[in-house]
């Protein structure tokens, strides 16, 4: 390696050592980003429509008053090897949008959406599980 090549290589190496910490430095934009963050419990404005958190119901909370457009989640815990299947007595009032089940490393819950004013009974059963479970019946009123 010639003398000029060594000088060039040393210059490049020194430049990288000087510039590398600058790429990881804290700047004034970080403060602005922190001020504009919101939590998931806050409603988010999406161009005029607000996204609200779902109404969470457990096996012991079996009645709820919903507003049209709200989402309801039936949190019955871990289904083991089975899956939670929900059915609605009136799909025009409450539409079931998802079943619950094991997804490998996590579990999902059954859920639905309030579509129109009225009353609906939602029944959630555990299908194919390794344990016996009684169906859970929810009485939902949508306004």
Protein backbone atom coordinates (compact mmCIF):
# COMPACT_ATOMS: atom_id res chain seq x y z
CA UNK A 1 0.00 0.00 0.00
CA UNK A 2 1.45 3.35 -0.97
CA UNK A 3 1.84 6.28 1.36
CA UNK A 4 -1.01 8.23 -0.29
CA UNK A 5 -3.34 5.21 -0.01
CA UNK A 6 -2.54 4.90 3.69
CA UNK A 7 -3.28 8.59 4.26
CA UNK A 8 -6.55 8.29 2.32
CA UNK A 9 -7.60 5.19 4.33
CA UNK A 10 -6.69 6.91 7.62
CA UNK A 11 -8.72 9.98 6.62
CA UNK A 12 -11.78 7.86 5.82
CA UNK A 13 -11.46 5.95 9.11
CA UNK A 14 -11.12 9.16 11.13
CA UNK A 15 -14.14 10.69 9.36
CA UNK A 16 -16.27 7.66 10.22
CA UNK A 17 -15.23 7.84 13.86
CA UNK A 18 -16.19 11.51 14.03
CA UNK A 19 -19.49 11.19 12.15
CA UNK A 20 -20.79 7.95 13.72
CA UNK A 21 -21.65 9.45 17.15
CA UNK A 22 -23.46 12.35 15.44
CA UNK A 23 -25.86 9.89 13.80
CA UNK A 24 -26.95 8.63 17.24
CA UNK A 25 -27.09 11.96 19.03
CA UNK A 26 -30.16 13.45 20.69
CA UNK A 27 -31.57 16.42 18.83
CA UNK A 28 -34.28 19.01 19.32
CA UNK A 29 -36.76 17.07 17.16
CA UNK A 30 -36.95 14.34 19.84
CA UNK A 31 -38.64 16.78 22.23
CA UNK A 32 -41.24 17.67 19.61
CA UNK A 33 -41.94 13.97 18.94
CA UNK A 34 -42.48 13.27 22.64
CA UNK A 35 -44.94 16.13 22.98
CA UNK A 36 -47.13 14.83 20.17
CA UNK A 37 -47.56 11.23 21.36
CA UNK A 38 -50.91 9.94 22.61
CA UNK A 39 -51.93 6.94 24.65
CA UNK A 40 -54.10 4.11 23.34
CA UNK A 41 -56.88 5.04 25.75
CA UNK A 42 -57.35 8.40 24.03
CA UNK A 43 -59.62 8.76 21.03
CA UNK A 44 -57.72 9.34 17.81
CA UNK A 45 -58.95 11.86 15.23
CA UNK A 46 -58.81 10.28 11.78
CA UNK A 47 -60.07 13.01 9.51
CA UNK A 48 -63.35 13.72 11.26
CA UNK A 49 -64.09 10.21 12.59
CA UNK A 50 -62.90 9.16 16.02
CA UNK A 51 -61.48 5.73 16.73
CA UNK A 52 -62.64 4.65 20.17
CA UNK A 53 -61.29 1.82 22.31
CA UNK A 54 -63.41 -1.36 22.37
CA UNK A 55 -65.88 -2.22 25.10
CA UNK A 56 -64.24 -5.12 26.98
CA UNK A 57 -66.52 -7.73 28.57
CA UNK A 58 -65.45 -10.66 30.73
CA UNK A 59 -67.25 -13.84 31.76
CA UNK A 60 -68.73 -11.97 34.74
CA UNK A 61 -69.64 -8.73 32.92
CA UNK A 62 -72.43 -10.01 30.71
CA UNK A 63 -74.50 -6.89 30.00
CA UNK A 64 -73.48 -3.73 28.18
CA UNK A 65 -74.92 -0.62 26.59
CA UNK A 66 -73.19 0.11 23.29
CA UNK A 67 -73.36 2.97 20.83
CA UNK A 68 -73.74 2.30 17.10
CA UNK A 69 -70.24 1.85 15.66
CA UNK A 70 -68.60 0.63 18.88
CA UNK A 71 -66.61 -2.58 19.00
CA UNK A 72 -67.11 -5.15 21.74
CA UNK A 73 -64.55 -7.75 22.81
CA UNK A 74 -65.46 -10.90 24.76
CA UNK A 75 -62.41 -11.58 26.93
CA UNK A 76 -62.72 -15.13 28.25
CA UNK A 77 -59.04 -15.86 28.77
CA UNK A 78 -56.89 -18.52 27.15
CA UNK A 79 -58.84 -21.03 25.04
CA UNK A 80 -56.08 -23.65 25.25
CA UNK A 81 -56.28 -25.84 22.16
CA UNK A 82 -59.80 -24.66 21.34
CA UNK A 83 -61.34 -21.49 20.05
CA UNK A 84 -64.07 -19.15 21.23
CA UNK A 85 -66.96 -18.90 18.78
CA UNK A 86 -69.54 -16.13 19.18
CA UNK A 87 -73.03 -16.00 17.68
CA UNK A 88 -75.45 -13.08 17.69
CA UNK A 89 -79.23 -13.40 17.98
CA UNK A 90 -79.61 -10.37 15.70
CA UNK A 91 -76.74 -9.74 13.27
CA UNK A 92 -78.37 -6.50 12.13
CA UNK A 93 -77.79 -5.12 15.66
CA UNK A 94 -74.48 -6.79 16.65
CA UNK A 95 -72.32 -8.41 13.99
CA UNK A 96 -69.69 -10.93 15.09
CA UNK A 97 -66.40 -9.92 13.48
CA UNK A 98 -63.95 -12.43 14.92
CA UNK A 99 -63.60 -15.69 16.80
CA UNK A 100 -61.05 -16.09 19.56
CA UNK A 101 -58.31 -18.66 19.70
CA UNK A 102 -54.69 -19.54 20.16
CA UNK A 103 -52.37 -18.05 17.56
CA UNK A 104 -49.27 -19.92 18.71
CA UNK A 105 -47.54 -17.45 21.01
CA UNK A 106 -50.65 -15.39 21.86
CA UNK A 107 -54.44 -15.72 22.09
CA UNK A 108 -57.13 -13.58 20.48
CA UNK A 109 -60.64 -12.83 21.75
CA UNK A 110 -63.98 -13.12 20.01
CA UNK A 111 -65.46 -9.75 19.11
CA UNK A 112 -68.19 -7.88 17.32
CA UNK A 113 -69.46 -4.50 16.19
CA UNK A 114 -72.65 -2.62 17.07
CA UNK A 115 -74.38 -1.89 13.76
CA UNK A 116 -77.81 -0.49 14.62
CA UNK A 117 -80.06 0.35 17.56
CA UNK A 118 -81.73 -2.59 19.26
CA UNK A 119 -81.02 -5.56 21.52
CA UNK A 120 -79.00 -8.68 20.78
CA UNK A 121 -77.95 -11.71 22.75
CA UNK A 122 -74.44 -12.92 22.01
CA UNK A 123 -73.46 -16.44 23.05
CA UNK A 124 -69.78 -17.37 23.21
CA UNK A 125 -68.83 -21.05 23.37
CA UNK A 126 -65.49 -22.83 23.60
CA UNK A 127 -65.14 -25.30 20.74
CA UNK A 128 -62.49 -28.00 20.59
CA UNK A 129 -60.86 -27.10 23.85
CA UNK A 130 -59.15 -29.52 26.19
CA UNK A 131 -61.39 -28.39 29.07
CA UNK A 132 -65.15 -28.16 29.44
CA UNK A 133 -66.61 -24.66 29.58
CA UNK A 134 -70.16 -23.41 29.88
CA UNK A 135 -71.33 -20.98 27.18
CA UNK A 136 -71.27 -17.32 28.25
CA UNK A 137 -74.36 -15.31 27.28
CA UNK A 138 -74.15 -11.52 26.86
CA UNK A 139 -77.14 -9.15 26.72
CA UNK A 140 -76.23 -6.12 24.60
CA UNK A 141 -78.30 -2.98 24.07
CA UNK A 142 -77.27 -0.71 21.21
CA UNK A 143 -78.40 2.92 20.95
